[in-house]
Amino acid sequence: MPIYEYECGSCGRRFEITQKFSDPALTSCKLCNSTQVRKVLSPTAFVLKGSGWYATDYASGDRKKAIEAEKSAADSKSAAKPNGGCSSGACASGTCPSKG
């Protein structure tokens, strides 16, 4: 069930209450019993992180082409380096300087 935030016009304090969407709004303050109560719109804790649904699912055609170009450029850079990215070439012999 969602949590709603209310503010009292009389005492000025805010409080939260868990209600069903279909429940009627509160008419009295649970702190001072005043009838000057209003529902407050507050920001949610919902955050989208990671590669993102917008960037991957709803991007424009130009954006999708740019993403594909970036991927292919990155793939060609890693393929151009010997031994999967080892610049010294010593990893093939089992003596990798970066793991020492």
Protein backbone atom coordinates (compact mmCIF):
# COMPACT_ATOMS: atom_id res chain seq x y z
CA MET A 1 0.00 0.00 0.00
CA PRO A 2 1.23 3.53 -0.72
CA ILE A 3 2.35 5.93 1.96
CA TYR A 4 0.76 9.38 1.83
CA GLU A 5 2.07 12.51 3.48
CA TYR A 6 -0.26 15.03 5.07
CA GLU A 7 0.34 18.51 6.48
CA CYS A 8 -1.73 20.18 9.17
CA GLY A 9 -2.63 23.83 8.61
CA SER A 10 -3.13 24.37 12.33
CA CYS A 11 -0.02 22.89 13.95
CA GLY A 12 2.12 22.95 10.76
CA ARG A 13 3.48 19.46 11.28
CA ARG A 14 3.63 16.71 8.67
CA PHE A 15 2.83 13.04 9.10
CA GLU A 16 2.64 9.95 6.94
CA ILE A 17 -0.09 7.36 6.75
CA THR A 18 -0.37 4.07 4.84
CA GLN A 19 -3.62 3.96 2.89
CA LYS A 20 -5.16 2.14 -0.02
CA PHE A 21 -5.50 4.18 -3.19
CA SER A 22 -9.28 3.91 -2.88
CA ASP A 23 -9.40 5.10 0.77
CA PRO A 24 -10.77 8.62 1.32
CA ALA A 25 -8.32 11.39 2.24
CA LEU A 26 -7.90 12.16 5.92
CA THR A 27 -10.05 14.95 7.33
CA SER A 28 -8.35 15.48 10.69
CA CYS A 29 -4.78 15.77 11.93
CA LYS A 30 -3.64 12.69 13.79
CA LEU A 31 -1.34 14.88 15.93
CA CYS A 32 -3.65 17.72 17.06
CA ASN A 33 -7.10 16.65 15.73
CA SER A 34 -7.48 19.84 13.64
CA THR A 35 -9.61 19.64 10.49
CA GLN A 36 -7.17 21.78 8.47
CA VAL A 37 -5.36 18.85 6.85
CA ARG A 38 -4.18 18.60 3.27
CA LYS A 39 -2.43 15.89 1.28
CA VAL A 40 1.12 16.86 0.28
CA LEU A 41 2.82 15.82 -2.93
CA SER A 42 6.32 14.67 -2.06
CA PRO A 43 9.12 13.24 -4.23
CA THR A 44 9.37 9.48 -4.52
CA ALA A 45 12.39 7.29 -3.90
CA PHE A 46 12.11 5.76 -7.38
CA VAL A 47 15.43 6.01 -9.25
CA LEU A 48 16.45 4.50 -12.58
CA LYS A 49 20.09 3.42 -12.67
CA GLY A 50 22.35 1.50 -14.99
CA SER A 51 22.34 1.51 -18.77
CA GLY A 52 18.77 2.65 -18.52
CA TRP A 53 15.52 1.72 -20.09
CA TYR A 54 15.33 5.09 -21.85
CA ALA A 55 18.73 4.84 -23.51
CA THR A 56 18.22 1.27 -24.72
CA ASP A 57 14.49 0.89 -25.30
CA TYR A 58 13.12 4.31 -26.25
CA ALA A 59 16.08 6.03 -27.85
CA SER A 60 15.70 7.73 -31.23
CA GLY A 61 17.12 6.15 -34.38
CA ASP A 62 20.06 8.56 -34.36
CA ARG A 63 20.85 7.71 -30.74
CA LYS A 64 20.74 3.97 -31.48
CA LYS A 65 23.15 4.46 -34.40
CA ALA A 66 25.53 6.44 -32.16
CA ILE A 67 25.45 3.69 -29.51
CA GLU A 68 26.24 1.04 -32.13
CA ALA A 69 29.12 3.17 -33.50
CA GLU A 70 30.57 3.53 -29.99
CA LYS A 71 30.35 -0.24 -29.44
CA SER A 72 32.03 -1.09 -32.71
CA ALA A 73 34.81 1.48 -32.08
CA ALA A 74 35.45 0.00 -28.64
CA ASP A 75 35.48 -3.54 -30.05
CA SER A 76 37.99 -2.61 -32.75
CA LYS A 77 40.29 -0.96 -30.16
CA SER A 78 40.35 -4.05 -27.93
CA ALA A 79 40.89 -6.35 -30.93
CA ALA A 80 43.86 -4.25 -32.11
CA LYS A 81 45.82 -4.84 -28.88
CA PRO A 82 47.83 -8.09 -28.70
CA ASN A 83 46.92 -10.69 -26.09
CA GLY A 84 43.49 -9.19 -25.28
CA GLY A 85 44.78 -5.78 -24.25
CA CYS A 86 48.27 -6.51 -22.84
CA SER A 87 50.61 -3.85 -24.17
CA SER A 88 53.83 -5.58 -23.21
CA GLY A 89 53.14 -8.96 -24.86
CA ALA A 90 54.47 -10.81 -21.79
CA CYS A 91 51.07 -12.22 -20.84
CA ALA A 92 51.31 -14.88 -23.52
CA SER A 93 54.29 -16.40 -21.71
CA GLY A 94 52.44 -16.32 -18.36
CA THR A 95 54.50 -13.50 -16.81
CA CYS A 96 52.09 -10.60 -16.82
CA PRO A 97 53.69 -7.45 -15.35
CA SER A 98 50.32 -6.03 -14.28
CA LYS A 99 49.63 -9.04 -12.06
CA GLY A 100 52.93 -8.84 -10.23
